[in-house]
PDB file of N, CA and C in Angstrom:
ATOM      1  N   MET A   1     -21.144  44.957  17.213  1.00  0.00           N
ATOM      2  CA  MET A   1     -21.974  43.854  17.632  1.00  0.00           C
ATOM      3  C   MET A   1     -23.443  44.262  17.528  1.00  0.00           C
ATOM      4  N   ARG A   2     -24.287  43.347  17.124  1.00  0.00           N
ATOM      5  CA  ARG A   2     -25.701  43.634  16.970  1.00  0.00           C
ATOM      6  C   ARG A   2     -26.399  43.698  18.312  1.00  0.00           C
ATOM      7  N   THR A   3     -27.407  44.541  18.389  1.00  0.00           N
ATOM      8  CA  THR A   3     -28.274  44.540  19.560  1.00  0.00           C
ATOM      9  C   THR A   3     -29.313  43.457  19.336  1.00  0.00           C
ATOM     10  N   SER A   4     -30.111  43.138  20.367  1.00  0.00           N
ATOM     11  CA  SER A   4     -31.124  42.104  20.194  1.00  0.00           C
ATOM     12  C   SER A   4     -32.138  42.502  19.128  1.00  0.00           C
ATOM     13  N   THR A   5     -32.444  43.778  19.024  1.00  0.00           N
ATOM     14  CA  THR A   5     -33.359  44.246  17.988  1.00  0.00           C
ATOM     15  C   THR A   5     -32.763  44.009  16.611  1.00  0.00           C
ATOM     16  N   GLN A   6     -31.464  44.270  16.474  1.00  0.00           N
ATOM     17  CA  GLN A   6     -30.811  44.052  15.191  1.00  0.00           C
ATOM     18  C   GLN A   6     -30.767  42.564  14.866  1.00  0.00           C
ATOM     19  N   SER A   7     -30.520  41.704  15.856  1.00  0.00           N
ATOM     20  CA  SER A   7     -30.497  40.260  15.624  1.00  0.00           C
ATOM     21  C   SER A   7     -31.859  39.769  15.178  1.00  0.00           C
ATOM     22  N   THR A   8     -32.922  40.269  15.811  1.00  0.00           N
ATOM     23  CA  THR A   8     -34.267  39.890  15.421  1.00  0.00           C
ATOM     24  C   THR A   8     -34.543  40.320  13.989  1.00  0.00           C
ATOM     25  N   ALA A   9     -34.132  41.531  13.646  1.00  0.00           N
ATOM     26  CA  ALA A   9     -34.317  42.015  12.274  1.00  0.00           C
ATOM     27  C   ALA A   9     -33.549  41.136  11.299  1.00  0.00           C
ATOM     28  N   ALA A  10     -32.342  40.734  11.663  1.00  0.00           N
ATOM     29  CA  ALA A  10     -31.532  39.890  10.784  1.00  0.00           C
ATOM     30  C   ALA A  10     -32.189  38.540  10.584  1.00  0.00           C
ATOM     31  N   CYS A  11     -32.744  37.956  11.648  1.00  0.00           N
ATOM     32  CA  CYS A  11     -33.399  36.651  11.545  1.00  0.00           C
ATOM     33  C   CYS A  11     -34.571  36.722  10.575  1.00  0.00           C
ATOM     34  N   SER A  12     -35.322  37.807  10.629  1.00  0.00           N
ATOM     35  CA  SER A  12     -36.466  37.934   9.737  1.00  0.00           C
ATOM     36  C   SER A  12     -36.010  38.211   8.313  1.00  0.00           C
ATOM     37  N   GLN A  13     -34.748  38.600   8.114  1.00  0.00           N
ATOM     38  CA  GLN A  13     -34.224  38.918   6.805  1.00  0.00           C
ATOM     39  C   GLN A  13     -33.351  37.801   6.232  1.00  0.00           C
ATOM     40  N   PHE A  14     -33.292  36.613   6.903  1.00  0.00           N
ATOM     41  CA  PHE A  14     -32.426  35.533   6.436  1.00  0.00           C
ATOM     42  C   PHE A  14     -32.652  35.291   4.953  1.00  0.00           C
ATOM     43  N   GLY A  15     -31.566  35.265   4.225  1.00  0.00           N
ATOM     44  CA  GLY A  15     -31.624  35.045   2.796  1.00  0.00           C
ATOM     45  C   GLY A  15     -31.857  36.322   2.007  1.00  0.00           C
ATOM     46  N   GLY A  16     -32.198  37.407   2.708  1.00  0.00           N
ATOM     47  CA  GLY A  16     -32.405  38.691   2.052  1.00  0.00           C
ATOM     48  C   GLY A  16     -31.074  39.298   1.645  1.00  0.00           C
ATOM     49  N   ARG A  17     -31.130  40.379   0.911  1.00  0.00           N
ATOM     50  CA  ARG A  17     -29.909  41.050   0.477  1.00  0.00           C
ATOM     51  C   ARG A  17     -29.616  42.231   1.371  1.00  0.00           C
ATOM     52  N   VAL A  18     -28.339  42.442   1.627  1.00  0.00           N
ATOM     53  CA  VAL A  18     -27.910  43.607   2.377  1.00  0.00           C
ATOM     54  C   VAL A  18     -26.791  44.306   1.619  1.00  0.00           C
ATOM     55  N   VAL A  19     -26.721  45.590   1.821  1.00  0.00           N
ATOM     56  CA  VAL A  19     -25.645  46.405   1.278  1.00  0.00           C
ATOM     57  C   VAL A  19     -24.832  46.863   2.467  1.00  0.00           C
ATOM     58  N   ARG A  20     -23.522  46.742   2.381  1.00  0.00           N
ATOM     59  CA  ARG A  20     -22.646  47.145   3.472  1.00  0.00           C
ATOM     60  C   ARG A  20     -21.720  48.261   3.002  1.00  0.00           C
ATOM     61  N   PRO A  21     -22.228  49.496   3.015  1.00  0.00           N
ATOM     62  CA  PRO A  21     -21.363  50.613   2.633  1.00  0.00           C
ATOM     63  C   PRO A  21     -20.472  51.031   3.799  1.00  0.00           C
ATOM     64  N   LYS A  22     -19.330  51.582   3.488  1.00  0.00           N
ATOM     65  CA  LYS A  22     -18.469  52.201   4.499  1.00  0.00           C
ATOM     66  C   LYS A  22     -18.547  53.697   4.235  1.00  0.00           C
ATOM     67  N   PRO A  23     -19.499  54.349   4.913  1.00  0.00           N
ATOM     68  CA  PRO A  23     -19.746  55.763   4.627  1.00  0.00           C
ATOM     69  C   PRO A  23     -18.885  56.698   5.457  1.00  0.00           C
ATOM     70  N   VAL A  24     -18.732  57.895   4.948  1.00  0.00           N
ATOM     71  CA  VAL A  24     -18.191  58.997   5.726  1.00  0.00           C
ATOM     72  C   VAL A  24     -19.386  59.930   5.893  1.00  0.00           C
ATOM     73  N   GLY A  25     -19.967  59.935   7.068  1.00  0.00           N
ATOM     74  CA  GLY A  25     -21.186  60.694   7.319  1.00  0.00           C
ATOM     75  C   GLY A  25     -22.328  59.764   7.641  1.00  0.00           C
ATOM     76  N   SER A  26     -23.460  60.344   7.948  1.00  0.00           N
ATOM     77  CA  SER A  26     -24.593  59.532   8.367  1.00  0.00           C
ATOM     78  C   SER A  26     -25.463  59.139   7.183  1.00  0.00           C
ATOM     79  N   ILE A  27     -26.034  57.948   7.271  1.00  0.00           N
ATOM     80  CA  ILE A  27     -26.892  57.408   6.213  1.00  0.00           C
ATOM     81  C   ILE A  27     -28.305  57.977   6.400  1.00  0.00           C
ATOM     82  N   PRO A  28     -28.852  58.626   5.373  1.00  0.00           N
ATOM     83  CA  PRO A  28     -30.211  59.160   5.489  1.00  0.00           C
ATOM     84  C   PRO A  28     -31.253  58.041   5.331  1.00  0.00           C
ATOM     85  N   SER A  29     -32.453  58.297   5.777  1.00  0.00           N
ATOM     86  CA  SER A  29     -33.565  57.351   5.590  1.00  0.00           C
ATOM     87  C   SER A  29     -33.974  57.341   4.122  1.00  0.00           C
ATOM     88  N   SER A  30     -34.534  56.212   3.698  1.00  0.00           N
ATOM     89  CA  SER A  30     -34.975  56.093   2.308  1.00  0.00           C
ATOM     90  C   SER A  30     -36.021  54.991   2.198  1.00  0.00           C
ATOM     91  N   PRO A  31     -36.954  55.130   1.269  1.00  0.00           N
ATOM     92  CA  PRO A  31     -37.905  54.044   1.027  1.00  0.00           C
ATOM     93  C   PRO A  31     -37.252  52.861   0.292  1.00  0.00           C
ATOM     94  N   ASN A  32     -36.029  53.046  -0.216  1.00  0.00           N
ATOM     95  CA  ASN A  32     -35.347  51.992  -0.970  1.00  0.00           C
ATOM     96  C   ASN A  32     -34.560  51.018  -0.103  1.00  0.00           C
ATOM     97  N   TYR A  33     -34.377  51.334   1.173  1.00  0.00           N
ATOM     98  CA  TYR A  33     -33.639  50.450   2.071  1.00  0.00           C
ATOM     99  C   TYR A  33     -34.017  50.730   3.513  1.00  0.00           C
ATOM    100  N   GLN A  34     -33.669  49.769   4.366  1.00  0.00           N
ATOM    101  CA  GLN A  34     -33.850  49.932   5.807  1.00  0.00           C
ATOM    102  C   GLN A  34     -32.468  49.846   6.434  1.00  0.00           C
ATOM    103  N   VAL A  35     -32.092  50.840   7.220  1.00  0.00           N
ATOM    104  CA  VAL A  35     -30.794  50.819   7.892  1.00  0.00           C
ATOM    105  C   VAL A  35     -30.911  49.856   9.069  1.00  0.00           C
ATOM    106  N   THR A  36     -30.150  48.742   9.017  1.00  0.00           N
ATOM    107  CA  THR A  36     -30.215  47.738  10.083  1.00  0.00           C
ATOM    108  C   THR A  36     -29.032  47.841  11.035  1.00  0.00           C
ATOM    109  N   VAL A  37     -27.923  48.415  10.567  1.00  0.00           N
ATOM    110  CA  VAL A  37     -26.754  48.659  11.424  1.00  0.00           C
ATOM    111  C   VAL A  37     -26.239  50.053  11.096  1.00  0.00           C
ATOM    112  N   ARG A  38     -26.060  50.853  12.122  1.00  0.00           N
ATOM    113  CA  ARG A  38     -25.509  52.204  11.966  1.00  0.00           C
ATOM    114  C   ARG A  38     -24.273  52.269  12.840  1.00  0.00           C
ATOM    115  N   ASP A  39     -23.127  52.384  12.210  1.00  0.00           N
ATOM    116  CA  ASP A  39     -21.874  52.452  12.942  1.00  0.00           C
ATOM    117  C   ASP A  39     -21.048  53.573  12.335  1.00  0.00           C
ATOM    118  N   ARG A  40     -20.028  53.988  13.059  1.00  0.00           N
ATOM    119  CA  ARG A  40     -19.202  55.089  12.567  1.00  0.00           C
ATOM    120  C   ARG A  40     -18.458  54.743  11.283  1.00  0.00           C
ATOM    121  N   ASN A  41     -17.994  53.505  11.181  1.00  0.00           N
ATOM    122  CA  ASN A  41     -17.175  53.121  10.029  1.00  0.00           C
ATOM    123  C   ASN A  41     -17.846  52.169   9.048  1.00  0.00           C
ATOM    124  N   CYS A  42     -18.979  51.618   9.437  1.00  0.00           N
ATOM    125  CA  CYS A  42     -19.645  50.660   8.555  1.00  0.00           C
ATOM    126  C   CYS A  42     -21.132  50.651   8.876  1.00  0.00           C
ATOM    127  N   SER A  43     -21.945  50.546   7.864  1.00  0.00           N
ATOM    128  CA  SER A  43     -23.391  50.463   8.031  1.00  0.00           C
ATOM    129  C   SER A  43     -23.885  49.252   7.276  1.00  0.00           C
ATOM    130  N   GLU A  44     -25.125  48.869   7.564  1.00  0.00           N
ATOM    131  CA  GLU A  44     -25.754  47.773   6.829  1.00  0.00           C
ATOM    132  C   GLU A  44     -27.154  48.206   6.453  1.00  0.00           C
ATOM    133  N   LEU A  45     -27.476  48.057   5.177  1.00  0.00           N
ATOM    134  CA  LEU A  45     -28.779  48.430   4.660  1.00  0.00           C
ATOM    135  C   LEU A  45     -29.460  47.193   4.115  1.00  0.00           C
ATOM    136  N   SER A  46     -30.661  46.921   4.559  1.00  0.00           N
ATOM    137  CA  SER A  46     -31.444  45.805   4.051  1.00  0.00           C
ATOM    138  C   SER A  46     -32.212  46.290   2.829  1.00  0.00           C
ATOM    139  N   ILE A  47     -32.098  45.544   1.727  1.00  0.00           N
ATOM    140  CA  ILE A  47     -32.790  45.923   0.491  1.00  0.00           C
ATOM    141  C   ILE A  47     -33.589  44.743  -0.034  1.00  0.00           C
ATOM    142  N   SER A  48     -34.617  45.033  -0.801  1.00  0.00           N
ATOM    143  CA  SER A  48     -35.426  43.969  -1.389  1.00  0.00           C
ATOM    144  C   SER A  48     -34.697  43.387  -2.600  1.00  0.00           C
ATOM    145  N   ASP A  49     -35.157  42.224  -3.039  1.00  0.00           N
ATOM    146  CA  ASP A  49     -34.539  41.593  -4.207  1.00  0.00           C
ATOM    147  C   ASP A  49     -34.711  42.427  -5.471  1.00  0.00           C
ATOM    148  N   SER A  50     -35.719  43.278  -5.497  1.00  0.00           N
ATOM    149  CA  SER A  50     -35.966  44.081  -6.693  1.00  0.00           C
ATOM    150  C   SER A  50     -35.226  45.427  -6.676  1.00  0.00           C
ATOM    151  N   THR A  51     -34.574  45.753  -5.556  1.00  0.00           N
ATOM    152  CA  THR A  51     -33.860  47.028  -5.452  1.00  0.00           C
ATOM    153  C   THR A  51     -32.512  46.940  -6.159  1.00  0.00           C
ATOM    154  N   ASP A  52     -32.219  47.916  -6.975  1.00  0.00           N
ATOM    155  CA  ASP A  52     -30.958  47.976  -7.713  1.00  0.00           C
ATOM    156  C   ASP A  52     -29.867  48.564  -6.816  1.00  0.00           C
ATOM    157  N   GLU A  53     -28.787  47.811  -6.591  1.00  0.00           N
ATOM    158  CA  GLU A  53     -27.691  48.277  -5.731  1.00  0.00           C
ATOM    159  C   GLU A  53     -27.079  49.575  -6.240  1.00  0.00           C
ATOM    160  N   ALA A  54     -26.966  49.697  -7.558  1.00  0.00           N
ATOM    161  CA  ALA A  54     -26.383  50.914  -8.136  1.00  0.00           C
ATOM    162  C   ALA A  54     -27.243  52.138  -7.815  1.00  0.00           C
ATOM    163  N   ALA A  55     -28.559  51.949  -7.788  1.00  0.00           N
ATOM    164  CA  ALA A  55     -29.457  53.055  -7.448  1.00  0.00           C
ATOM    165  C   ALA A  55     -29.282  53.456  -5.986  1.00  0.00           C
ATOM    166  N   VAL A  56     -29.058  52.470  -5.109  1.00  0.00           N
ATOM    167  CA  VAL A  56     -28.822  52.769  -3.691  1.00  0.00           C
ATOM    168  C   VAL A  56     -27.513  53.535  -3.538  1.00  0.00           C
ATOM    169  N   SER A  57     -26.465  53.082  -4.208  1.00  0.00           N
ATOM    170  CA  SER A  57     -25.173  53.761  -4.156  1.00  0.00           C
ATOM    171  C   SER A  57     -25.303  55.200  -4.653  1.00  0.00           C
ATOM    172  N   LYS A  58     -25.984  55.384  -5.784  1.00  0.00           N
ATOM    173  CA  LYS A  58     -26.180  56.721  -6.341  1.00  0.00           C
ATOM    174  C   LYS A  58     -26.972  57.596  -5.385  1.00  0.00           C
ATOM    175  N   GLU A  59     -28.003  57.031  -4.769  1.00  0.00           N
ATOM    176  CA  GLU A  59     -28.817  57.793  -3.823  1.00  0.00           C
ATOM    177  C   GLU A  59     -27.981  58.265  -2.635  1.00  0.00           C
ATOM    178  N   LEU A  60     -27.114  57.399  -2.131  1.00  0.00           N
ATOM    179  CA  LEU A  60     -26.247  57.787  -1.007  1.00  0.00           C
ATOM    180  C   LEU A  60     -25.319  58.930  -1.404  1.00  0.00           C
ATOM    181  N   VAL A  61     -24.674  58.784  -2.559  1.00  0.00           N
ATOM    182  CA  VAL A  61     -23.740  59.814  -3.030  1.00  0.00           C
ATOM    183  C   VAL A  61     -24.479  61.120  -3.314  1.00  0.00           C
ATOM    184  N   ASP A  62     -25.642  61.027  -3.963  1.00  0.00           N
ATOM    185  CA  ASP A  62     -26.435  62.224  -4.273  1.00  0.00           C
ATOM    186  C   ASP A  62     -26.903  62.952  -3.018  1.00  0.00           C
ATOM    187  N   SER A  63     -27.048  62.203  -1.901  1.00  0.00           N
ATOM    188  CA  SER A  63     -27.491  62.835  -0.652  1.00  0.00           C
ATOM    189  C   SER A  63     -26.315  63.396   0.153  1.00  0.00           C
ATOM    190  N   GLY A  64     -25.100  63.300  -0.419  1.00  0.00           N
ATOM    191  CA  GLY A  64     -23.940  63.898   0.229  1.00  0.00           C
ATOM    192  C   GLY A  64     -23.104  62.951   1.065  1.00  0.00           C
ATOM    193  N   VAL A  65     -23.425  61.661   1.036  1.00  0.00           N
ATOM    194  CA  VAL A  65     -22.641  60.681   1.788  1.00  0.00           C
ATOM    195  C   VAL A  65     -21.441  60.268   0.946  1.00  0.00           C
ATOM    196  N   ALA A  66     -20.242  60.406   1.497  1.00  0.00           N
ATOM    197  CA  ALA A  66     -19.038  59.918   0.825  1.00  0.00           C
ATOM    198  C   ALA A  66     -18.912  58.435   1.161  1.00  0.00           C
ATOM    199  N   VAL A  67     -18.960  57.588   0.148  1.00  0.00           N
ATOM    200  CA  VAL A  67     -18.923  56.134   0.348  1.00  0.00           C
ATOM    201  C   VAL A  67     -17.530  55.623  -0.003  1.00  0.00           C
ATOM    202  N   ARG A  68     -16.819  55.044   1.001  1.00  0.00           N
ATOM    203  CA  ARG A  68     -15.457  54.526   0.777  1.00  0.00           C
ATOM    204  C   ARG A  68     -15.466  53.158   0.138  1.00  0.00           C
ATOM    205  N   SER A  69     -16.468  52.340   0.439  1.00  0.00           N
ATOM    206  CA  SER A  69     -16.624  51.040  -0.223  1.00  0.00           C
ATOM    207  C   SER A  69     -18.088  50.653  -0.168  1.00  0.00           C
ATOM    208  N   PHE A  70     -18.448  49.660  -0.980  1.00  0.00           N
ATOM    209  CA  PHE A  70     -19.850  49.297  -1.132  1.00  0.00           C
ATOM    210  C   PHE A  70     -19.897  47.839  -1.544  1.00  0.00           C
ATOM    211  N   ALA A  71     -20.534  46.988  -0.748  1.00  0.00           N
ATOM    212  CA  ALA A  71     -20.618  45.557  -1.070  1.00  0.00           C
ATOM    213  C   ALA A  71     -22.036  45.065  -0.839  1.00  0.00           C
ATOM    214  N   THR A  72     -22.504  44.204  -1.731  1.00  0.00           N
ATOM    215  CA  THR A  72     -23.827  43.592  -1.594  1.00  0.00           C
ATOM    216  C   THR A  72     -23.632  42.114  -1.312  1.00  0.00           C
ATOM    217  N   THR A  73     -24.430  41.580  -0.382  1.00  0.00           N
ATOM    218  CA  THR A  73     -24.331  40.169  -0.029  1.00  0.00           C
ATOM    219  C   THR A  73     -25.681  39.665   0.452  1.00  0.00           C
ATOM    220  N   LYS A  74     -25.805  38.373   0.606  1.00  0.00           N
ATOM    221  CA  LYS A  74     -26.995  37.753   1.189  1.00  0.00           C
ATOM    222  C   LYS A  74     -26.731  37.517   2.672  1.00  0.00           C
ATOM    223  N   ILE A  75     -27.764  37.634   3.489  1.00  0.00           N
ATOM    224  CA  ILE A  75     -27.633  37.346   4.915  1.00  0.00           C
ATOM    225  C   ILE A  75     -27.613  35.832   5.086  1.00  0.00           C
ATOM    226  N   SER A  76     -26.583  35.328   5.743  1.00  0.00           N
ATOM    227  CA  SER A  76     -26.467  33.892   5.958  1.00  0.00           C
ATOM    228  C   SER A  76     -26.863  33.534   7.383  1.00  0.00           C
ATOM    229  N   LEU A  77     -27.127  32.252   7.604  1.00  0.00           N
ATOM    230  CA  LEU A  77     -27.399  31.789   8.966  1.00  0.00           C
ATOM    231  C   LEU A  77     -26.178  31.997   9.844  1.00  0.00           C
ATOM    232  N   GLU A  78     -24.991  31.874   9.284  1.00  0.00           N
ATOM    233  CA  GLU A  78     -23.763  32.096  10.046  1.00  0.00           C
ATOM    234  C   GLU A  78     -23.679  33.547  10.532  1.00  0.00           C
ATOM    235  N   ASP A  79     -24.045  34.504   9.659  1.00  0.00           N
ATOM    236  CA  ASP A  79     -24.069  35.914  10.079  1.00  0.00           C
ATOM    237  C   ASP A  79     -24.993  36.098  11.269  1.00  0.00           C
ATOM    238  N   ILE A  80     -26.166  35.504  11.208  1.00  0.00           N
ATOM    239  CA  ILE A  80     -27.136  35.636  12.275  1.00  0.00           C
ATOM    240  C   ILE A  80     -26.621  34.974  13.554  1.00  0.00           C
ATOM    241  N   HIS A  81     -26.088  33.767  13.425  1.00  0.00           N
ATOM    242  CA  HIS A  81     -25.591  33.025  14.588  1.00  0.00           C
ATOM    243  C   HIS A  81     -24.425  33.741  15.260  1.00  0.00           C
ATOM    244  N   GLN A  82     -23.508  34.279  14.476  1.00  0.00           N
ATOM    245  CA  GLN A  82     -22.338  34.936  15.028  1.00  0.00           C
ATOM    246  C   GLN A  82     -22.589  36.408  15.356  1.00  0.00           C
ATOM    247  N   GLY A  83     -23.737  36.936  14.946  1.00  0.00           N
ATOM    248  CA  GLY A  83     -24.057  38.324  15.221  1.00  0.00           C
ATOM    249  C   GLY A  83     -23.210  39.302  14.440  1.00  0.00           C
ATOM    250  N   LEU A  84     -22.792  38.877  13.236  1.00  0.00           N
ATOM    251  CA  LEU A  84     -21.947  39.740  12.407  1.00  0.00           C
ATOM    252  C   LEU A  84     -22.792  40.744  11.666  1.00  0.00           C
ATOM    253  N   PRO A  85     -22.280  41.972  11.503  1.00  0.00           N
ATOM    254  CA  PRO A  85     -23.019  42.955  10.693  1.00  0.00           C
ATOM    255  C   PRO A  85     -22.904  42.638   9.227  1.00  0.00           C
TER     256      PRO A  85
END
C-alpha cells in the first residue's frame, strides 16, 4: 500500500510511465529513474517519456540486481485512486 508521500508522488506523475520490476535485491539510485515504491518483492520506478526501458533494465542487471520480471505501464487515475503500486 502506498504511503501519503507515495500517493502524492503518483498524483503528480499521472499519465507518466512507470517500470515495475520484481527484483531480488535492492534497487540502487539512478539519474534515469526515481524509485517511487520500494518493496521486498516488487518496486516501482518512475521514468520520463524519453527514458529507454531496456536501458533501465540493463542498468539494474549491470548493478547486480537480479530482475525476475519487468513491466512498463502508464500511471492511471484508477491506480492513484485505489493506491495501487
